[in-house]
């Protein structure tokens, strides 16, 4: 397999900062970080106890700051139901 293609199809570790998953290292597909024009993810915390009382099962929104910020450091932006 072509080395560039293999790298693009691989995984990278994203560090989550703030919110319910602060300090977690989350593996993400390489393309989700470097090829997506709006990278980010709605993640399920490891326990519902971390979700807001009025929105159990809510997803934590994590996104990187715009370039030139580190694309492997995603900041907590809030909750989505």
PDB file of N, CA and C in Angstrom:
ATOM      1  N   UNK A   1       0.845  -1.180   0.000  1.00  0.00           N
ATOM      2  CA  UNK A   1       0.000   0.000   0.000  1.00  0.00           C
ATOM      3  C   UNK A   1       0.885   1.235   0.000  1.00  0.00           C
ATOM      4  N   UNK A   2       0.482   2.263  -0.724  1.00  0.00           N
ATOM      5  CA  UNK A   2       1.188   3.531  -0.789  1.00  0.00           C
ATOM      6  C   UNK A   2       1.313   4.112   0.619  1.00  0.00           C
ATOM      7  N   UNK A   3       2.504   4.550   1.019  1.00  0.00           N
ATOM      8  CA  UNK A   3       2.741   5.048   2.370  1.00  0.00           C
ATOM      9  C   UNK A   3       1.873   6.262   2.689  1.00  0.00           C
ATOM     10  N   UNK A   4       1.694   7.210   1.737  1.00  0.00           N
ATOM     11  CA  UNK A   4       0.856   8.379   1.991  1.00  0.00           C
ATOM     12  C   UNK A   4      -0.595   7.958   2.203  1.00  0.00           C
ATOM     13  N   UNK A   5      -1.083   7.040   1.393  1.00  0.00           N
ATOM     14  CA  UNK A   5      -2.449   6.560   1.520  1.00  0.00           C
ATOM     15  C   UNK A   5      -2.628   5.831   2.846  1.00  0.00           C
ATOM     16  N   UNK A   6      -1.645   5.020   3.210  1.00  0.00           N
ATOM     17  CA  UNK A   6      -1.709   4.289   4.479  1.00  0.00           C
ATOM     18  C   UNK A   6      -1.782   5.274   5.641  1.00  0.00           C
ATOM     19  N   UNK A   7      -0.986   6.351   5.598  1.00  0.00           N
ATOM     20  CA  UNK A   7      -0.983   7.364   6.655  1.00  0.00           C
ATOM     21  C   UNK A   7      -2.341   8.056   6.725  1.00  0.00           C
ATOM     22  N   UNK A   8      -2.916   8.416   5.586  1.00  0.00           N
ATOM     23  CA  UNK A   8      -4.200   9.105   5.547  1.00  0.00           C
ATOM     24  C   UNK A   8      -5.345   8.211   6.010  1.00  0.00           C
ATOM     25  N   UNK A   9      -5.207   6.905   5.884  1.00  0.00           N
ATOM     26  CA  UNK A   9      -6.255   5.992   6.322  1.00  0.00           C
ATOM     27  C   UNK A   9      -6.054   5.536   7.765  1.00  0.00           C
ATOM     28  N   UNK A  10      -4.964   5.963   8.387  1.00  0.00           N
ATOM     29  CA  UNK A  10      -4.660   5.556   9.753  1.00  0.00           C
ATOM     30  C   UNK A  10      -5.376   6.404  10.792  1.00  0.00           C
ATOM     31  N   UNK A  11      -4.905   6.287  11.992  1.00  0.00           N
ATOM     32  CA  UNK A  11      -5.501   6.969  13.128  1.00  0.00           C
ATOM     33  C   UNK A  11      -4.490   7.893  13.772  1.00  0.00           C
ATOM     34  N   UNK A  12      -4.981   8.962  14.396  1.00  0.00           N
ATOM     35  CA  UNK A  12      -4.143   9.879  15.165  1.00  0.00           C
ATOM     36  C   UNK A  12      -4.795  10.070  16.529  1.00  0.00           C
ATOM     37  N   UNK A  13      -3.993  10.421  17.519  1.00  0.00           N
ATOM     38  CA  UNK A  13      -4.507  10.658  18.865  1.00  0.00           C
ATOM     39  C   UNK A  13      -4.786  12.144  19.055  1.00  0.00           C
ATOM     40  N   UNK A  14      -6.023  12.449  19.448  1.00  0.00           N
ATOM     41  CA  UNK A  14      -6.457  13.809  19.727  1.00  0.00           C
ATOM     42  C   UNK A  14      -6.598  13.950  21.240  1.00  0.00           C
ATOM     43  N   UNK A  15      -6.040  15.023  21.808  1.00  0.00           N
ATOM     44  CA  UNK A  15      -6.164  15.295  23.236  1.00  0.00           C
ATOM     45  C   UNK A  15      -7.377  16.200  23.436  1.00  0.00           C
ATOM     46  N   UNK A  16      -8.279  15.780  24.334  1.00  0.00           N
ATOM     47  CA  UNK A  16      -9.480  16.552  24.622  1.00  0.00           C
ATOM     48  C   UNK A  16      -9.223  17.448  25.827  1.00  0.00           C
ATOM     49  N   UNK A  17      -9.598  18.725  25.685  1.00  0.00           N
ATOM     50  CA  UNK A  17      -9.306  19.720  26.716  1.00  0.00           C
ATOM     51  C   UNK A  17     -10.606  20.338  27.215  1.00  0.00           C
ATOM     52  N   UNK A  18     -10.801  20.304  28.522  1.00  0.00           N
ATOM     53  CA  UNK A  18     -11.992  20.879  29.129  1.00  0.00           C
ATOM     54  C   UNK A  18     -13.163  19.915  29.100  1.00  0.00           C
ATOM     55  N   UNK A  19     -14.242  20.324  29.755  1.00  0.00           N
ATOM     56  CA  UNK A  19     -15.462  19.531  29.727  1.00  0.00           C
ATOM     57  C   UNK A  19     -15.352  18.188  30.406  1.00  0.00           C
ATOM     58  N   UNK A  20     -16.308  17.315  30.100  1.00  0.00           N
ATOM     59  CA  UNK A  20     -16.410  16.041  30.816  1.00  0.00           C
ATOM     60  C   UNK A  20     -15.320  15.032  30.474  1.00  0.00           C
ATOM     61  N   UNK A  21     -14.607  15.251  29.385  1.00  0.00           N
ATOM     62  CA  UNK A  21     -13.591  14.280  28.971  1.00  0.00           C
ATOM     63  C   UNK A  21     -12.192  14.882  28.997  1.00  0.00           C
ATOM     64  N   UNK A  22     -12.017  15.919  29.810  1.00  0.00           N
ATOM     65  CA  UNK A  22     -10.747  16.629  29.904  1.00  0.00           C
ATOM     66  C   UNK A  22      -9.582  15.681  30.150  1.00  0.00           C
ATOM     67  N   UNK A  23      -8.556  15.815  29.342  1.00  0.00           N
ATOM     68  CA  UNK A  23      -7.360  14.993  29.494  1.00  0.00           C
ATOM     69  C   UNK A  23      -7.411  13.657  28.788  1.00  0.00           C
ATOM     70  N   UNK A  24      -8.553  13.312  28.211  1.00  0.00           N
ATOM     71  CA  UNK A  24      -8.696  12.045  27.497  1.00  0.00           C
ATOM     72  C   UNK A  24      -7.952  12.117  26.167  1.00  0.00           C
ATOM     73  N   UNK A  25      -7.323  11.032  25.785  1.00  0.00           N
ATOM     74  CA  UNK A  25      -6.726  10.906  24.463  1.00  0.00           C
ATOM     75  C   UNK A  25      -7.675  10.051  23.640  1.00  0.00           C
ATOM     76  N   UNK A  26      -8.207  10.640  22.566  1.00  0.00           N
ATOM     77  CA  UNK A  26      -9.221   9.992  21.739  1.00  0.00           C
ATOM     78  C   UNK A  26      -8.644   9.665  20.368  1.00  0.00           C
ATOM     79  N   UNK A  27      -8.567   8.389  19.984  1.00  0.00           N
ATOM     80  CA  UNK A  27      -8.127   8.057  18.625  1.00  0.00           C
ATOM     81  C   UNK A  27      -9.183   8.520  17.613  1.00  0.00           C
ATOM     82  N   UNK A  28      -8.731   9.175  16.570  1.00  0.00           N
ATOM     83  CA  UNK A  28      -9.621   9.657  15.509  1.00  0.00           C
ATOM     84  C   UNK A  28      -9.007   9.292  14.157  1.00  0.00           C
ATOM     85  N   UNK A  29      -9.855   9.022  13.166  1.00  0.00           N
ATOM     86  CA  UNK A  29      -9.313   8.758  11.831  1.00  0.00           C
ATOM     87  C   UNK A  29      -8.524   9.971  11.321  1.00  0.00           C
ATOM     88  N   UNK A  30      -7.408   9.712  10.687  1.00  0.00           N
ATOM     89  CA  UNK A  30      -6.546  10.774  10.166  1.00  0.00           C
ATOM     90  C   UNK A  30      -7.347  11.769   9.328  1.00  0.00           C
ATOM     91  N   UNK A  31      -8.206  11.270   8.458  1.00  0.00           N
ATOM     92  CA  UNK A  31      -8.985  12.140   7.572  1.00  0.00           C
ATOM     93  C   UNK A  31      -9.947  13.030   8.354  1.00  0.00           C
ATOM     94  N   UNK A  32     -10.435  12.573   9.508  1.00  0.00           N
ATOM     95  CA  UNK A  32     -11.347  13.381  10.320  1.00  0.00           C
ATOM     96  C   UNK A  32     -10.650  14.588  10.925  1.00  0.00           C
ATOM     97  N   UNK A  33      -9.351  14.508  11.049  1.00  0.00           N
ATOM     98  CA  UNK A  33      -8.579  15.598  11.629  1.00  0.00           C
ATOM     99  C   UNK A  33      -8.015  16.511  10.537  1.00  0.00           C
ATOM    100  N   UNK A  34      -7.438  15.908   9.502  1.00  0.00           N
ATOM    101  CA  UNK A  34      -6.688  16.693   8.522  1.00  0.00           C
ATOM    102  C   UNK A  34      -7.421  16.965   7.209  1.00  0.00           C
ATOM    103  N   UNK A  35      -8.416  16.160   6.839  1.00  0.00           N
ATOM    104  CA  UNK A  35      -9.090  16.352   5.555  1.00  0.00           C
ATOM    105  C   UNK A  35     -10.467  16.984   5.702  1.00  0.00           C
ATOM    106  N   UNK A  36     -11.042  16.941   6.891  1.00  0.00           N
ATOM    107  CA  UNK A  36     -12.366  17.511   7.126  1.00  0.00           C
ATOM    108  C   UNK A  36     -12.230  19.033   7.253  1.00  0.00           C
ATOM    109  N   UNK A  37     -13.019  19.806   6.499  1.00  0.00           N
ATOM    110  CA  UNK A  37     -12.912  21.267   6.605  1.00  0.00           C
ATOM    111  C   UNK A  37     -13.392  21.805   7.954  1.00  0.00           C
ATOM    112  N   UNK A  38     -14.242  21.058   8.651  1.00  0.00           N
ATOM    113  CA  UNK A  38     -14.734  21.440   9.975  1.00  0.00           C
ATOM    114  C   UNK A  38     -14.562  20.272  10.944  1.00  0.00           C
ATOM    115  N   UNK A  39     -13.316  19.986  11.353  1.00  0.00           N
ATOM    116  CA  UNK A  39     -13.103  18.825  12.223  1.00  0.00           C
ATOM    117  C   UNK A  39     -13.757  19.017  13.590  1.00  0.00           C
ATOM    118  N   UNK A  40     -14.104  17.911  14.181  1.00  0.00           N
ATOM    119  CA  UNK A  40     -14.714  17.911  15.499  1.00  0.00           C
ATOM    120  C   UNK A  40     -15.530  16.654  15.672  1.00  0.00           C
ATOM    121  N   UNK A  41     -16.074  16.481  16.864  1.00  0.00           N
ATOM    122  CA  UNK A  41     -16.849  15.273  17.133  1.00  0.00           C
ATOM    123  C   UNK A  41     -17.835  15.521  18.257  1.00  0.00           C
ATOM    124  N   UNK A  42     -18.943  14.789  18.201  1.00  0.00           N
ATOM    125  CA  UNK A  42     -19.904  14.723  19.293  1.00  0.00           C
ATOM    126  C   UNK A  42     -19.616  13.402  20.001  1.00  0.00           C
ATOM    127  N   UNK A  43     -19.083  13.481  21.202  1.00  0.00           N
ATOM    128  CA  UNK A  43     -18.628  12.286  21.903  1.00  0.00           C
ATOM    129  C   UNK A  43     -19.514  11.975  23.104  1.00  0.00           C
ATOM    130  N   UNK A  44     -19.699  10.696  23.353  1.00  0.00           N
ATOM    131  CA  UNK A  44     -20.470  10.240  24.508  1.00  0.00           C
ATOM    132  C   UNK A  44     -19.505  10.082  25.681  1.00  0.00           C
ATOM    133  N   UNK A  45     -19.725  10.831  26.775  1.00  0.00           N
ATOM    134  CA  UNK A  45     -18.852  10.657  27.938  1.00  0.00           C
ATOM    135  C   UNK A  45     -18.938   9.232  28.469  1.00  0.00           C
ATOM    136  N   UNK A  46     -17.943   8.832  29.243  1.00  0.00           N
ATOM    137  CA  UNK A  46     -17.874   7.458  29.735  1.00  0.00           C
ATOM    138  C   UNK A  46     -18.960   7.137  30.756  1.00  0.00           C
ATOM    139  N   UNK A  47     -19.681   8.143  31.243  1.00  0.00           N
ATOM    140  CA  UNK A  47     -20.788   7.922  32.176  1.00  0.00           C
ATOM    141  C   UNK A  47     -21.825   9.025  32.006  1.00  0.00           C
ATOM    142  N   UNK A  48     -23.094   8.680  32.151  1.00  0.00           N
ATOM    143  CA  UNK A  48     -24.158   9.682  32.065  1.00  0.00           C
ATOM    144  C   UNK A  48     -24.066  10.692  33.199  1.00  0.00           C
ATOM    145  N   UNK A  49     -23.358  10.364  34.261  1.00  0.00           N
ATOM    146  CA  UNK A  49     -23.221  11.293  35.377  1.00  0.00           C
ATOM    147  C   UNK A  49     -22.503  12.571  34.957  1.00  0.00           C
ATOM    148  N   UNK A  50     -21.781  12.520  33.851  1.00  0.00           N
ATOM    149  CA  UNK A  50     -21.077  13.699  33.368  1.00  0.00           C
ATOM    150  C   UNK A  50     -21.955  14.575  32.483  1.00  0.00           C
ATOM    151  N   UNK A  51     -23.078  14.062  32.031  1.00  0.00           N
ATOM    152  CA  UNK A  51     -23.995  14.829  31.179  1.00  0.00           C
ATOM    153  C   UNK A  51     -24.841  15.763  32.055  1.00  0.00           C
ATOM    154  N   UNK A  52     -25.382  16.837  31.449  1.00  0.00           N
ATOM    155  CA  UNK A  52     -26.236  17.739  32.227  1.00  0.00           C
ATOM    156  C   UNK A  52     -27.482  17.012  32.740  1.00  0.00           C
ATOM    157  N   UNK A  53     -27.960  17.394  33.913  1.00  0.00           N
ATOM    158  CA  UNK A  53     -29.137  16.750  34.509  1.00  0.00           C
ATOM    159  C   UNK A  53     -30.352  16.818  33.596  1.00  0.00           C
ATOM    160  N   UNK A  54     -30.499  17.925  32.861  1.00  0.00           N
ATOM    161  CA  UNK A  54     -31.671  18.099  32.008  1.00  0.00           C
ATOM    162  C   UNK A  54     -31.499  17.480  30.618  1.00  0.00           C
ATOM    163  N   UNK A  55     -30.346  16.854  30.368  1.00  0.00           N
ATOM    164  CA  UNK A  55     -30.107  16.232  29.057  1.00  0.00           C
ATOM    165  C   UNK A  55     -29.286  14.956  29.200  1.00  0.00           C
ATOM    166  N   UNK A  56     -29.808  13.945  29.911  1.00  0.00           N
ATOM    167  CA  UNK A  56     -29.046  12.696  30.038  1.00  0.00           C
ATOM    168  C   UNK A  56     -28.811  12.092  28.651  1.00  0.00           C
ATOM    169  N   UNK A  57     -27.643  11.586  28.445  1.00  0.00           N
ATOM    170  CA  UNK A  57     -27.301  11.026  27.143  1.00  0.00           C
ATOM    171  C   UNK A  57     -26.792  12.057  26.149  1.00  0.00           C
ATOM    172  N   UNK A  58     -26.639  13.304  26.597  1.00  0.00           N
ATOM    173  CA  UNK A  58     -26.133  14.348  25.706  1.00  0.00           C
ATOM    174  C   UNK A  58     -24.709  14.028  25.259  1.00  0.00           C
ATOM    175  N   UNK A  59     -24.340  14.560  24.108  1.00  0.00           N
ATOM    176  CA  UNK A  59     -22.985  14.391  23.570  1.00  0.00           C
ATOM    177  C   UNK A  59     -22.153  15.632  23.858  1.00  0.00           C
ATOM    178  N   UNK A  60     -20.897  15.421  24.189  1.00  0.00           N
ATOM    179  CA  UNK A  60     -19.956  16.520  24.400  1.00  0.00           C
ATOM    180  C   UNK A  60     -19.356  16.906  23.045  1.00  0.00           C
ATOM    181  N   UNK A  61     -19.383  18.186  22.748  1.00  0.00           N
ATOM    182  CA  UNK A  61     -18.859  18.687  21.480  1.00  0.00           C
ATOM    183  C   UNK A  61     -17.405  19.112  21.682  1.00  0.00           C
ATOM    184  N   UNK A  62     -16.515  18.531  20.877  1.00  0.00           N
ATOM    185  CA  UNK A  62     -15.100  18.895  20.899  1.00  0.00           C
ATOM    186  C   UNK A  62     -14.666  19.268  19.493  1.00  0.00           C
ATOM    187  N   UNK A  63     -13.954  20.394  19.390  1.00  0.00           N
ATOM    188  CA  UNK A  63     -13.434  20.876  18.107  1.00  0.00           C
ATOM    189  C   UNK A  63     -12.081  21.530  18.337  1.00  0.00           C
ATOM    190  N   UNK A  64     -11.218  21.509  17.345  1.00  0.00           N
ATOM    191  CA  UNK A  64      -9.952  22.220  17.489  1.00  0.00           C
ATOM    192  C   UNK A  64     -10.170  23.717  17.280  1.00  0.00           C
ATOM    193  N   UNK A  65      -9.265  24.508  17.805  1.00  0.00           N
ATOM    194  CA  UNK A  65      -9.249  25.926  17.462  1.00  0.00           C
ATOM    195  C   UNK A  65      -8.806  26.051  16.010  1.00  0.00           C
ATOM    196  N   UNK A  66      -9.146  27.157  15.355  1.00  0.00           N
ATOM    197  CA  UNK A  66      -8.723  27.339  13.959  1.00  0.00           C
ATOM    198  C   UNK A  66      -7.195  27.358  13.828  1.00  0.00           C
ATOM    199  N   UNK A  67      -6.707  26.992  12.633  1.00  0.00           N
ATOM    200  CA  UNK A  67      -5.268  27.056  12.337  1.00  0.00           C
ATOM    201  C   UNK A  67      -4.799  28.491  12.571  1.00  0.00           C
ATOM    202  N   UNK A  68      -3.630  28.635  13.083  1.00  0.00           N
ATOM    203  CA  UNK A  68      -2.516  27.689  13.179  1.00  0.00           C
ATOM    204  C   UNK A  68      -2.475  26.885  14.479  1.00  0.00           C
ATOM    205  N   UNK A  69      -3.585  26.798  15.203  1.00  0.00           N
ATOM    206  CA  UNK A  69      -3.606  26.013  16.443  1.00  0.00           C
ATOM    207  C   UNK A  69      -3.320  24.541  16.150  1.00  0.00           C
ATOM    208  N   UNK A  70      -2.917  23.829  17.172  1.00  0.00           N
ATOM    209  CA  UNK A  70      -2.612  22.399  17.067  1.00  0.00           C
ATOM    210  C   UNK A  70      -3.873  21.624  16.685  1.00  0.00           C
ATOM    211  N   UNK A  71      -3.902  20.946  15.538  1.00  0.00           N
ATOM    212  CA  UNK A  71      -5.096  20.204  15.115  1.00  0.00           C
ATOM    213  C   UNK A  71      -5.367  18.958  15.953  1.00  0.00           C
ATOM    214  N   UNK A  72      -4.409  18.584  16.807  1.00  0.00           N
ATOM    215  CA  UNK A  72      -4.571  17.401  17.646  1.00  0.00           C
ATOM    216  C   UNK A  72      -4.975  17.755  19.077  1.00  0.00           C
ATOM    217  N   UNK A  73      -5.380  18.997  19.289  1.00  0.00           N
ATOM    218  CA  UNK A  73      -5.837  19.475  20.602  1.00  0.00           C
ATOM    219  C   UNK A  73      -7.241  20.034  20.400  1.00  0.00           C
ATOM    220  N   UNK A  74      -8.249  19.277  20.856  1.00  0.00           N
ATOM    221  CA  UNK A  74      -9.650  19.661  20.655  1.00  0.00           C
ATOM    222  C   UNK A  74     -10.225  20.178  21.959  1.00  0.00           C
ATOM    223  N   UNK A  75     -10.935  21.297  21.863  1.00  0.00           N
ATOM    224  CA  UNK A  75     -11.475  22.006  23.016  1.00  0.00           C
ATOM    225  C   UNK A  75     -12.973  21.712  23.164  1.00  0.00           C
ATOM    226  N   UNK A  76     -13.427  21.573  24.408  1.00  0.00           N
ATOM    227  CA  UNK A  76     -14.841  21.347  24.683  1.00  0.00           C
ATOM    228  C   UNK A  76     -15.619  22.610  24.354  1.00  0.00           C
ATOM    229  N   UNK A  77     -16.697  22.447  23.580  1.00  0.00           N
ATOM    230  CA  UNK A  77     -17.517  23.591  23.148  1.00  0.00           C
ATOM    231  C   UNK A  77     -18.910  23.580  23.763  1.00  0.00           C
ATOM    232  N   UNK A  78     -19.289  22.501  24.447  1.00  0.00           N
ATOM    233  CA  UNK A  78     -20.600  22.440  25.066  1.00  0.00           C
ATOM    234  C   UNK A  78     -21.272  21.099  24.793  1.00  0.00           C
ATOM    235  N   UNK A  79     -22.593  21.103  24.875  1.00  0.00           N
ATOM    236  CA  UNK A  79     -23.386  19.873  24.755  1.00  0.00           C
ATOM    237  C   UNK A  79     -24.338  19.949  23.573  1.00  0.00           C
ATOM    238  N   UNK A  80     -24.655  18.792  22.990  1.00  0.00           N
ATOM    239  CA  UNK A  80     -25.764  18.637  22.050  1.00  0.00           C
ATOM    240  C   UNK A  80     -26.613  17.485  22.582  1.00  0.00           C
ATOM    241  N   UNK A  81     -27.943  17.613  22.436  1.00  0.00           N
ATOM    242  CA  UNK A  81     -28.811  16.555  22.953  1.00  0.00           C
ATOM    243  C   UNK A  81     -28.670  15.254  22.196  1.00  0.00           C
TER     244      UNK A  81
END
